[in-house]
Amino acid sequence: MRYVFLISFDGTHFSGSQRQPQCRTVQSVLEDAAQKVFGVPVKVTFSGRTDAGVHAAGQVVHLDGETSIPAEKLREAFNRLLPEDVKVLESAAAPDGFDCTRNARRKTYCYRFYTAASAMPLLERYAVRAEGRTDLARMREAAALLVGEHDFAAFRATGSSAKTTVRTVFSVTVDSTPVYGANLYEVRVTGNGFLYNMVRIIAGELYAVGCGRASCADIEQALKTGDRTLLFRTMPAKGLTLERVEFDVPLFGAQGENDGIF
């Protein structure tokens, strides 16, 4: 039987989501717990990979196994075995033919950075300190250029194995909130898929536009030419959180709740 889980994790002490030799990963921790619950080795499949240091508020995974434990009670069974930095938020029986990788339709990531005179200990785990003043209106103007179907070749890091660099971005929003005397910025991007480090590069470029180190023209030219050197540096991993994954079918809750989301 196939089960689907909604999970959350703090990526600080993980070497990414996918299993790697001699490394602590989200997949290895989940599979260790799954083997104890099901009594046999179990493979956990993710809706998509995340890099070392990246967090997740709403990652979706599936696994196959046989157990007498009701699907909705698997959350409790797993959480008794899992460490504090990864937990199952929801568990359910997967719809017929469901595959969380192939069936994912939209993903939303949020990148957080803040500006302050010095590092803020209460923000440092999930946000990156950036220097200088930033113009929110300019950042939003630049963000609008990224919405739609584009060739995002310039917005990927080396090492990408994607067959095509064309992606559709449904929305890019930039918000600012005062927190602990700092200005916390959230760059939230929803798309049908993302290239390697794409959201971190987008966040870096919007920050650069906001503080006058780059312009909207740089983004327009990068989209036309695919030239990575036209853009600002890739922002650090710790500021990035996968917030949600959307599907064509409801996975958790009563019919009508969270339809197509998680």
C-alpha atoms as a PDB file:
ATOM      1  CA  MET A   1       0.000   0.000   0.000  1.00  0.00           C
ATOM      2  CA  ARG A   2       1.193   3.503  -0.721  1.00  0.00           C
ATOM      3  CA  TYR A   3       1.152   6.199   1.944  1.00  0.00           C
ATOM      4  CA  VAL A   4       1.726   9.934   1.605  1.00  0.00           C
ATOM      5  CA  PHE A   5       3.221  12.152   4.308  1.00  0.00           C
ATOM      6  CA  LEU A   6       3.397  15.896   4.796  1.00  0.00           C
ATOM      7  CA  ILE A   7       6.663  16.608   6.582  1.00  0.00           C
ATOM      8  CA  SER A   8       8.524  19.577   8.016  1.00  0.00           C
ATOM      9  CA  PHE A   9      12.212  19.817   8.821  1.00  0.00           C
ATOM     10  CA  ASP A  10      14.911  22.196   9.946  1.00  0.00           C
ATOM     11  CA  GLY A  11      17.668  21.719   7.384  1.00  0.00           C
ATOM     12  CA  THR A  12      20.479  23.152   9.523  1.00  0.00           C
ATOM     13  CA  HIS A  13      22.026  19.810  10.435  1.00  0.00           C
ATOM     14  CA  PHE A  14      21.041  17.842   7.328  1.00  0.00           C
ATOM     15  CA  SER A  15      23.219  17.305   4.255  1.00  0.00           C
ATOM     16  CA  GLY A  16      20.180  17.761   2.050  1.00  0.00           C
ATOM     17  CA  SER A  17      17.061  15.671   1.588  1.00  0.00           C
ATOM     18  CA  GLN A  18      18.409  12.803  -0.532  1.00  0.00           C
ATOM     19  CA  ARG A  19      20.307   9.885   0.980  1.00  0.00           C
ATOM     20  CA  GLN A  20      24.104  10.151   0.635  1.00  0.00           C
ATOM     21  CA  PRO A  21      26.840   7.836   1.925  1.00  0.00           C
ATOM     22  CA  GLN A  22      28.163   8.763   5.375  1.00  0.00           C
ATOM     23  CA  CYS A  23      25.845  11.793   5.599  1.00  0.00           C
ATOM     24  CA  ARG A  24      22.854  12.652   7.735  1.00  0.00           C
ATOM     25  CA  THR A  25      19.985  13.381   5.342  1.00  0.00           C
ATOM     26  CA  VAL A  26      16.231  13.745   5.712  1.00  0.00           C
ATOM     27  CA  GLN A  27      15.681  10.644   3.594  1.00  0.00           C
ATOM     28  CA  SER A  28      18.007   8.479   5.677  1.00  0.00           C
ATOM     29  CA  VAL A  29      16.377   9.576   8.948  1.00  0.00           C
ATOM     30  CA  LEU A  30      12.872   8.929   7.582  1.00  0.00           C
ATOM     31  CA  GLU A  31      13.861   5.553   6.149  1.00  0.00           C
ATOM     32  CA  ASP A  32      15.397   4.483   9.449  1.00  0.00           C
ATOM     33  CA  ALA A  33      12.107   5.280  11.178  1.00  0.00           C
ATOM     34  CA  ALA A  34      10.100   3.594   8.418  1.00  0.00           C
ATOM     35  CA  GLN A  35      12.070   0.358   8.786  1.00  0.00           C
ATOM     36  CA  LYS A  36      11.187   0.265  12.485  1.00  0.00           C
ATOM     37  CA  VAL A  37       7.508   0.933  11.791  1.00  0.00           C
ATOM     38  CA  PHE A  38       7.097  -1.499   8.866  1.00  0.00           C
ATOM     39  CA  GLY A  39       9.694  -4.083   9.918  1.00  0.00           C
ATOM     40  CA  VAL A  40      11.417  -4.091   6.499  1.00  0.00           C
ATOM     41  CA  PRO A  41      13.565  -1.603   4.548  1.00  0.00           C
ATOM     42  CA  VAL A  42      11.390   1.094   2.979  1.00  0.00           C
ATOM     43  CA  LYS A  43      12.290   3.696   0.347  1.00  0.00           C
ATOM     44  CA  VAL A  44      10.987   7.235   0.862  1.00  0.00           C
ATOM     45  CA  THR A  45      10.358   9.291  -2.305  1.00  0.00           C
ATOM     46  CA  PHE A  46      10.269  13.095  -2.206  1.00  0.00           C
ATOM     47  CA  SER A  47       8.285  15.526  -4.350  1.00  0.00           C
ATOM     48  CA  GLY A  48      11.674  17.126  -5.094  1.00  0.00           C
ATOM     49  CA  ARG A  49      15.123  17.416  -3.576  1.00  0.00           C
ATOM     50  CA  THR A  50      16.383  20.154  -1.286  1.00  0.00           C
ATOM     51  CA  ASP A  51      20.019  21.039  -0.693  1.00  0.00           C
ATOM     52  CA  ALA A  52      22.023  21.004   2.509  1.00  0.00           C
ATOM     53  CA  GLY A  53      20.837  23.702   4.895  1.00  0.00           C
ATOM     54  CA  VAL A  54      17.472  24.271   3.172  1.00  0.00           C
ATOM     55  CA  HIS A  55      14.359  23.952   5.339  1.00  0.00           C
ATOM     56  CA  ALA A  56      10.827  22.698   4.641  1.00  0.00           C
ATOM     57  CA  ALA A  57       7.499  23.678   6.132  1.00  0.00           C
ATOM     58  CA  GLY A  58       5.506  21.476   3.759  1.00  0.00           C
ATOM     59  CA  GLN A  59       7.479  18.834   1.872  1.00  0.00           C
ATOM     60  CA  VAL A  60       5.490  15.853   0.568  1.00  0.00           C
ATOM     61  CA  VAL A  61       6.847  12.292   0.406  1.00  0.00           C
ATOM     62  CA  HIS A  62       5.418   8.869  -0.319  1.00  0.00           C
ATOM     63  CA  LEU A  63       6.409   5.338   0.640  1.00  0.00           C
ATOM     64  CA  ASP A  64       5.138   1.800   0.098  1.00  0.00           C
ATOM     65  CA  GLY A  65       4.595  -0.720   2.879  1.00  0.00           C
ATOM     66  CA  GLU A  66       2.203  -2.978   4.734  1.00  0.00           C
ATOM     67  CA  THR A  67       1.090  -2.343   8.298  1.00  0.00           C
ATOM     68  CA  SER A  68      -1.978  -2.734  10.506  1.00  0.00           C
ATOM     69  CA  ILE A  69      -1.558   0.850  11.719  1.00  0.00           C
ATOM     70  CA  PRO A  70      -4.265   3.124  10.229  1.00  0.00           C
ATOM     71  CA  ALA A  71      -2.849   5.590   7.705  1.00  0.00           C
ATOM     72  CA  GLU A  72      -3.757   8.651   9.770  1.00  0.00           C
ATOM     73  CA  LYS A  73      -2.022   7.140  12.826  1.00  0.00           C
ATOM     74  CA  LEU A  74       1.295   6.679  11.036  1.00  0.00           C
ATOM     75  CA  ARG A  75       2.105  10.293  11.870  1.00  0.00           C
ATOM     76  CA  GLU A  76       2.214   9.459  15.567  1.00  0.00           C
ATOM     77  CA  ALA A  77       4.118   6.226  15.001  1.00  0.00           C
ATOM     78  CA  PHE A  78       6.822   8.010  13.018  1.00  0.00           C
ATOM     79  CA  ASN A  79       7.067  11.049  15.265  1.00  0.00           C
ATOM     80  CA  ARG A  80       7.837   8.871  18.284  1.00  0.00           C
ATOM     81  CA  LEU A  81      10.938   7.702  16.409  1.00  0.00           C
ATOM     82  CA  LEU A  82      12.006  10.887  14.610  1.00  0.00           C
ATOM     83  CA  PRO A  83      14.393  13.536  15.990  1.00  0.00           C
ATOM     84  CA  GLU A  84      13.231  17.049  16.819  1.00  0.00           C
ATOM     85  CA  ASP A  85      14.417  18.548  13.518  1.00  0.00           C
ATOM     86  CA  VAL A  86      12.111  16.483  11.290  1.00  0.00           C
ATOM     87  CA  LYS A  87       8.470  15.605  11.924  1.00  0.00           C
ATOM     88  CA  VAL A  88       5.465  14.195  10.080  1.00  0.00           C
ATOM     89  CA  LEU A  89       2.622  16.732  10.062  1.00  0.00           C
ATOM     90  CA  GLU A  90       0.032  14.598   8.262  1.00  0.00           C
ATOM     91  CA  SER A  91      -0.202  11.010   7.024  1.00  0.00           C
ATOM     92  CA  ALA A  92      -2.764   9.427   4.717  1.00  0.00           C
ATOM     93  CA  ALA A  93      -3.362   6.643   2.224  1.00  0.00           C
ATOM     94  CA  ALA A  94      -2.244   7.834  -1.200  1.00  0.00           C
ATOM     95  CA  PRO A  95      -4.779   8.081  -4.045  1.00  0.00           C
ATOM     96  CA  ASP A  96      -4.587   5.328  -6.667  1.00  0.00           C
ATOM     97  CA  GLY A  97      -1.604   5.793  -8.957  1.00  0.00           C
ATOM     98  CA  PHE A  98      -0.247   8.719  -6.948  1.00  0.00           C
ATOM     99  CA  ASP A  99       3.427   9.629  -7.242  1.00  0.00           C
ATOM    100  CA  CYS A 100       4.540  12.710  -5.306  1.00  0.00           C
ATOM    101  CA  THR A 101       7.327  13.492  -7.774  1.00  0.00           C
ATOM    102  CA  ARG A 102       5.421  13.106 -11.038  1.00  0.00           C
ATOM    103  CA  ASN A 103       2.132  14.527  -9.745  1.00  0.00           C
ATOM    104  CA  ALA A 104       3.490  17.738  -8.190  1.00  0.00           C
ATOM    105  CA  ARG A 105       2.061  20.721 -10.092  1.00  0.00           C
ATOM    106  CA  ARG A 106       3.205  23.806  -8.178  1.00  0.00           C
ATOM    107  CA  LYS A 107       5.749  24.532  -5.478  1.00  0.00           C
ATOM    108  CA  THR A 108       6.169  27.584  -3.292  1.00  0.00           C
ATOM    109  CA  TYR A 109       9.498  28.578  -1.779  1.00  0.00           C
ATOM    110  CA  CYS A 110      10.203  31.470   0.557  1.00  0.00           C
ATOM    111  CA  TYR A 111      13.621  33.097   0.875  1.00  0.00           C
ATOM    112  CA  ARG A 112      14.234  35.232   3.968  1.00  0.00           C
ATOM    113  CA  PHE A 113      16.920  37.833   4.539  1.00  0.00           C
ATOM    114  CA  TYR A 114      17.141  40.770   6.892  1.00  0.00           C
ATOM    115  CA  THR A 115      18.951  44.050   7.221  1.00  0.00           C
ATOM    116  CA  ALA A 116      20.301  45.167  10.589  1.00  0.00           C
ATOM    117  CA  ALA A 117      23.336  46.886  12.075  1.00  0.00           C
ATOM    118  CA  SER A 118      24.557  43.542  13.410  1.00  0.00           C
ATOM    119  CA  ALA A 119      23.654  39.865  13.251  1.00  0.00           C
ATOM    120  CA  MET A 120      20.418  38.993  15.057  1.00  0.00           C
ATOM    121  CA  PRO A 121      20.683  35.670  16.919  1.00  0.00           C
ATOM    122  CA  LEU A 122      16.921  35.025  16.802  1.00  0.00           C
ATOM    123  CA  LEU A 123      16.851  35.384  13.003  1.00  0.00           C
ATOM    124  CA  GLU A 124      20.143  33.804  11.984  1.00  0.00           C
ATOM    125  CA  ARG A 125      18.920  30.206  11.784  1.00  0.00           C
ATOM    126  CA  TYR A 126      16.327  30.792   9.072  1.00  0.00           C
ATOM    127  CA  ALA A 127      17.336  34.080   7.462  1.00  0.00           C
ATOM    128  CA  VAL A 128      20.479  35.678   6.044  1.00  0.00           C
ATOM    129  CA  ARG A 129      21.787  39.060   7.126  1.00  0.00           C
ATOM    130  CA  ALA A 130      22.274  41.394   4.169  1.00  0.00           C
ATOM    131  CA  GLU A 131      24.014  44.748   4.140  1.00  0.00           C
ATOM    132  CA  GLY A 132      22.669  48.157   3.148  1.00  0.00           C
ATOM    133  CA  ARG A 133      19.248  49.693   2.711  1.00  0.00           C
ATOM    134  CA  THR A 134      16.800  48.103   0.308  1.00  0.00           C
ATOM    135  CA  ASP A 135      14.009  49.704  -1.699  1.00  0.00           C
ATOM    136  CA  LEU A 136      10.920  47.488  -1.482  1.00  0.00           C
ATOM    137  CA  ALA A 137       9.193  49.134  -4.451  1.00  0.00           C
ATOM    138  CA  ARG A 138      12.186  48.503  -6.713  1.00  0.00           C
ATOM    139  CA  MET A 139      12.354  44.882  -5.596  1.00  0.00           C
ATOM    140  CA  ARG A 140       8.677  44.394  -6.412  1.00  0.00           C
ATOM    141  CA  GLU A 141       9.114  46.005  -9.814  1.00  0.00           C
ATOM    142  CA  ALA A 142      11.958  43.604 -10.570  1.00  0.00           C
ATOM    143  CA  ALA A 143       9.995  40.617  -9.240  1.00  0.00           C
ATOM    144  CA  ALA A 144       7.204  41.264 -11.753  1.00  0.00           C
ATOM    145  CA  LEU A 145       9.645  40.667 -14.619  1.00  0.00           C
ATOM    146  CA  LEU A 146      10.080  37.049 -13.541  1.00  0.00           C
ATOM    147  CA  VAL A 147       6.410  36.089 -13.664  1.00  0.00           C
ATOM    148  CA  GLY A 148       5.359  33.960 -16.627  1.00  0.00           C
ATOM    149  CA  GLU A 149       7.022  31.339 -18.809  1.00  0.00           C
ATOM    150  CA  HIS A 150      10.693  32.159 -19.390  1.00  0.00           C
ATOM    151  CA  ASP A 151      13.988  30.515 -20.151  1.00  0.00           C
ATOM    152  CA  PHE A 152      15.656  30.740 -16.726  1.00  0.00           C
ATOM    153  CA  ALA A 153      19.061  29.471 -17.900  1.00  0.00           C
ATOM    154  CA  ALA A 154      20.779  32.441 -16.226  1.00  0.00           C
ATOM    155  CA  PHE A 155      19.072  31.600 -12.936  1.00  0.00           C
ATOM    156  CA  ARG A 156      20.637  28.190 -12.401  1.00  0.00           C
ATOM    157  CA  ALA A 157      23.881  27.141 -10.787  1.00  0.00           C
ATOM    158  CA  THR A 158      26.451  24.958 -12.502  1.00  0.00           C
ATOM    159  CA  GLY A 159      25.807  21.256 -12.077  1.00  0.00           C
ATOM    160  CA  SER A 160      22.153  21.363 -13.134  1.00  0.00           C
ATOM    161  CA  SER A 161      21.042  18.276 -15.043  1.00  0.00           C
ATOM    162  CA  ALA A 162      17.684  19.700 -16.172  1.00  0.00           C
ATOM    163  CA  LYS A 163      16.692  18.775 -19.729  1.00  0.00           C
ATOM    164  CA  THR A 164      15.142  22.196 -20.293  1.00  0.00           C
ATOM    165  CA  THR A 165      15.642  25.536 -18.569  1.00  0.00           C
ATOM    166  CA  VAL A 166      12.160  26.824 -19.411  1.00  0.00           C
ATOM    167  CA  ARG A 167       9.960  27.200 -16.344  1.00  0.00           C
ATOM    168  CA  THR A 168       6.684  28.930 -15.499  1.00  0.00           C
ATOM    169  CA  VAL A 169       6.660  31.220 -12.481  1.00  0.00           C
ATOM    170  CA  PHE A 170       3.120  31.944 -11.323  1.00  0.00           C
ATOM    171  CA  SER A 171       3.932  34.600  -8.750  1.00  0.00           C
ATOM    172  CA  VAL A 172       6.815  36.395  -7.043  1.00  0.00           C
ATOM    173  CA  THR A 173       6.028  38.516  -4.007  1.00  0.00           C
ATOM    174  CA  VAL A 174       8.326  40.562  -1.779  1.00  0.00           C
ATOM    175  CA  ASP A 175       7.258  41.617   1.710  1.00  0.00           C
ATOM    176  CA  SER A 176       9.018  43.376   4.560  1.00  0.00           C
ATOM    177  CA  THR A 177       8.276  43.160   8.297  1.00  0.00           C
ATOM    178  CA  PRO A 178      10.067  44.781  11.254  1.00  0.00           C
ATOM    179  CA  VAL A 179      11.292  42.025  13.590  1.00  0.00           C
ATOM    180  CA  TYR A 180      13.481  42.504  16.685  1.00  0.00           C
ATOM    181  CA  GLY A 181      14.686  45.848  15.374  1.00  0.00           C
ATOM    182  CA  ALA A 182      15.609  44.420  11.973  1.00  0.00           C
ATOM    183  CA  ASN A 183      13.800  44.549   8.629  1.00  0.00           C
ATOM    184  CA  LEU A 184      12.922  41.005   7.587  1.00  0.00           C
ATOM    185  CA  TYR A 185      12.327  40.485   3.864  1.00  0.00           C
ATOM    186  CA  GLU A 186      10.455  37.513   2.426  1.00  0.00           C
ATOM    187  CA  VAL A 187      10.756  36.648  -1.256  1.00  0.00           C
ATOM    188  CA  ARG A 188       8.058  34.096  -2.035  1.00  0.00           C
ATOM    189  CA  VAL A 189       8.111  32.312  -5.407  1.00  0.00           C
ATOM    190  CA  THR A 190       5.516  29.899  -6.794  1.00  0.00           C
ATOM    191  CA  GLY A 191       6.230  27.960  -9.971  1.00  0.00           C
ATOM    192  CA  ASN A 192       5.716  24.692 -11.795  1.00  0.00           C
ATOM    193  CA  GLY A 193       9.306  23.698 -11.059  1.00  0.00           C
ATOM    194  CA  PHE A 194      12.689  25.194 -10.311  1.00  0.00           C
ATOM    195  CA  LEU A 195      16.234  24.836 -11.580  1.00  0.00           C
ATOM    196  CA  TYR A 196      19.205  24.178  -9.311  1.00  0.00           C
ATOM    197  CA  ASN A 197      19.548  27.162  -6.921  1.00  0.00           C
ATOM    198  CA  MET A 198      17.014  29.127  -8.974  1.00  0.00           C
ATOM    199  CA  VAL A 199      15.111  30.620  -6.032  1.00  0.00           C
ATOM    200  CA  ARG A 200      18.322  31.534  -4.214  1.00  0.00           C
ATOM    201  CA  ILE A 201      19.578  33.316  -7.334  1.00  0.00           C
ATOM    202  CA  ILE A 202      16.241  35.119  -7.754  1.00  0.00           C
ATOM    203  CA  ALA A 203      16.363  36.268  -4.123  1.00  0.00           C
ATOM    204  CA  GLY A 204      19.929  37.487  -4.537  1.00  0.00           C
ATOM    205  CA  GLU A 205      19.098  39.458  -7.652  1.00  0.00           C
ATOM    206  CA  LEU A 206      16.037  41.082  -6.087  1.00  0.00           C
ATOM    207  CA  TYR A 207      18.136  42.069  -3.084  1.00  0.00           C
ATOM    208  CA  ALA A 208      20.765  43.527  -5.447  1.00  0.00           C
ATOM    209  CA  VAL A 209      18.118  45.570  -7.269  1.00  0.00           C
ATOM    210  CA  GLY A 210      16.699  46.750  -3.962  1.00  0.00           C
ATOM    211  CA  CYS A 211      20.022  48.098  -2.732  1.00  0.00           C
ATOM    212  CA  GLY A 212      21.108  49.566  -6.082  1.00  0.00           C
ATOM    213  CA  ARG A 213      23.719  46.970  -7.045  1.00  0.00           C
ATOM    214  CA  ALA A 214      21.660  45.768 -10.017  1.00  0.00           C
ATOM    215  CA  SER A 215      18.790  46.948 -12.197  1.00  0.00           C
ATOM    216  CA  CYS A 216      15.642  45.642 -13.844  1.00  0.00           C
ATOM    217  CA  ALA A 217      17.523  45.864 -17.141  1.00  0.00           C
ATOM    218  CA  ASP A 218      20.005  43.271 -15.829  1.00  0.00           C
ATOM    219  CA  ILE A 219      17.159  40.819 -15.233  1.00  0.00           C
ATOM    220  CA  GLU A 220      15.636  41.453 -18.650  1.00  0.00           C
ATOM    221  CA  GLN A 221      18.999  40.910 -20.329  1.00  0.00           C
ATOM    222  CA  ALA A 222      19.708  37.767 -18.312  1.00  0.00           C
ATOM    223  CA  LEU A 223      16.355  36.276 -19.354  1.00  0.00           C
ATOM    224  CA  LYS A 224      17.144  37.051 -23.002  1.00  0.00           C
ATOM    225  CA  THR A 225      20.735  35.809 -23.061  1.00  0.00           C
ATOM    226  CA  GLY A 226      20.937  33.155 -20.336  1.00  0.00           C
ATOM    227  CA  ASP A 227      24.124  34.820 -19.052  1.00  0.00           C
ATOM    228  CA  ARG A 228      24.590  33.987 -15.355  1.00  0.00           C
ATOM    229  CA  THR A 229      27.345  36.611 -14.979  1.00  0.00           C
ATOM    230  CA  LEU A 230      24.775  39.391 -15.355  1.00  0.00           C
ATOM    231  CA  LEU A 231      23.195  38.460 -12.031  1.00  0.00           C
ATOM    232  CA  PHE A 232      24.113  38.795  -8.364  1.00  0.00           C
ATOM    233  CA  ARG A 233      25.561  35.931  -6.341  1.00  0.00           C
ATOM    234  CA  THR A 234      23.609  32.912  -5.109  1.00  0.00           C
ATOM    235  CA  MET A 235      22.249  33.540  -1.617  1.00  0.00           C
ATOM    236  CA  PRO A 236      23.137  31.080   1.218  1.00  0.00           C
ATOM    237  CA  ALA A 237      20.994  27.979   1.692  1.00  0.00           C
ATOM    238  CA  LYS A 238      19.796  28.668   5.228  1.00  0.00           C
ATOM    239  CA  GLY A 239      17.442  31.462   4.114  1.00  0.00           C
ATOM    240  CA  LEU A 240      15.395  29.117   1.900  1.00  0.00           C
ATOM    241  CA  THR A 241      12.269  27.217   2.965  1.00  0.00           C
ATOM    242  CA  LEU A 242      10.049  24.974   0.851  1.00  0.00           C
ATOM    243  CA  GLU A 243       6.617  26.106   2.016  1.00  0.00           C
ATOM    244  CA  ARG A 244       4.196  23.930   0.104  1.00  0.00           C
ATOM    245  CA  VAL A 245       3.681  21.518  -2.767  1.00  0.00           C
ATOM    246  CA  GLU A 246       0.419  21.474  -4.724  1.00  0.00           C
ATOM    247  CA  PHE A 247      -1.209  18.566  -6.543  1.00  0.00           C
ATOM    248  CA  ASP A 248      -4.281  17.963  -8.696  1.00  0.00           C
ATOM    249  CA  VAL A 249      -5.918  15.843  -5.997  1.00  0.00           C
ATOM    250  CA  PRO A 250      -6.565  16.412  -2.269  1.00  0.00           C
ATOM    251  CA  LEU A 251      -4.224  14.419  -0.060  1.00  0.00           C
ATOM    252  CA  PHE A 252      -5.025  15.328   3.536  1.00  0.00           C
ATOM    253  CA  GLY A 253      -8.087  16.339   5.516  1.00  0.00           C
ATOM    254  CA  ALA A 254     -11.741  16.055   4.674  1.00  0.00           C
ATOM    255  CA  GLN A 255     -12.863  16.384   1.081  1.00  0.00           C
ATOM    256  CA  GLY A 256     -12.753  20.059   0.204  1.00  0.00           C
ATOM    257  CA  GLU A 257     -10.034  20.904   2.722  1.00  0.00           C
ATOM    258  CA  ASN A 258      -6.622  21.553   1.217  1.00  0.00           C
ATOM    259  CA  ASP A 259      -7.905  20.459  -2.179  1.00  0.00           C
ATOM    260  CA  GLY A 260      -4.884  20.078  -4.407  1.00  0.00           C
ATOM    261  CA  ILE A 261      -2.587  21.535  -1.755  1.00  0.00           C
ATOM    262  CA  PHE A 262      -0.236  19.243   0.133  1.00  0.00           C
END
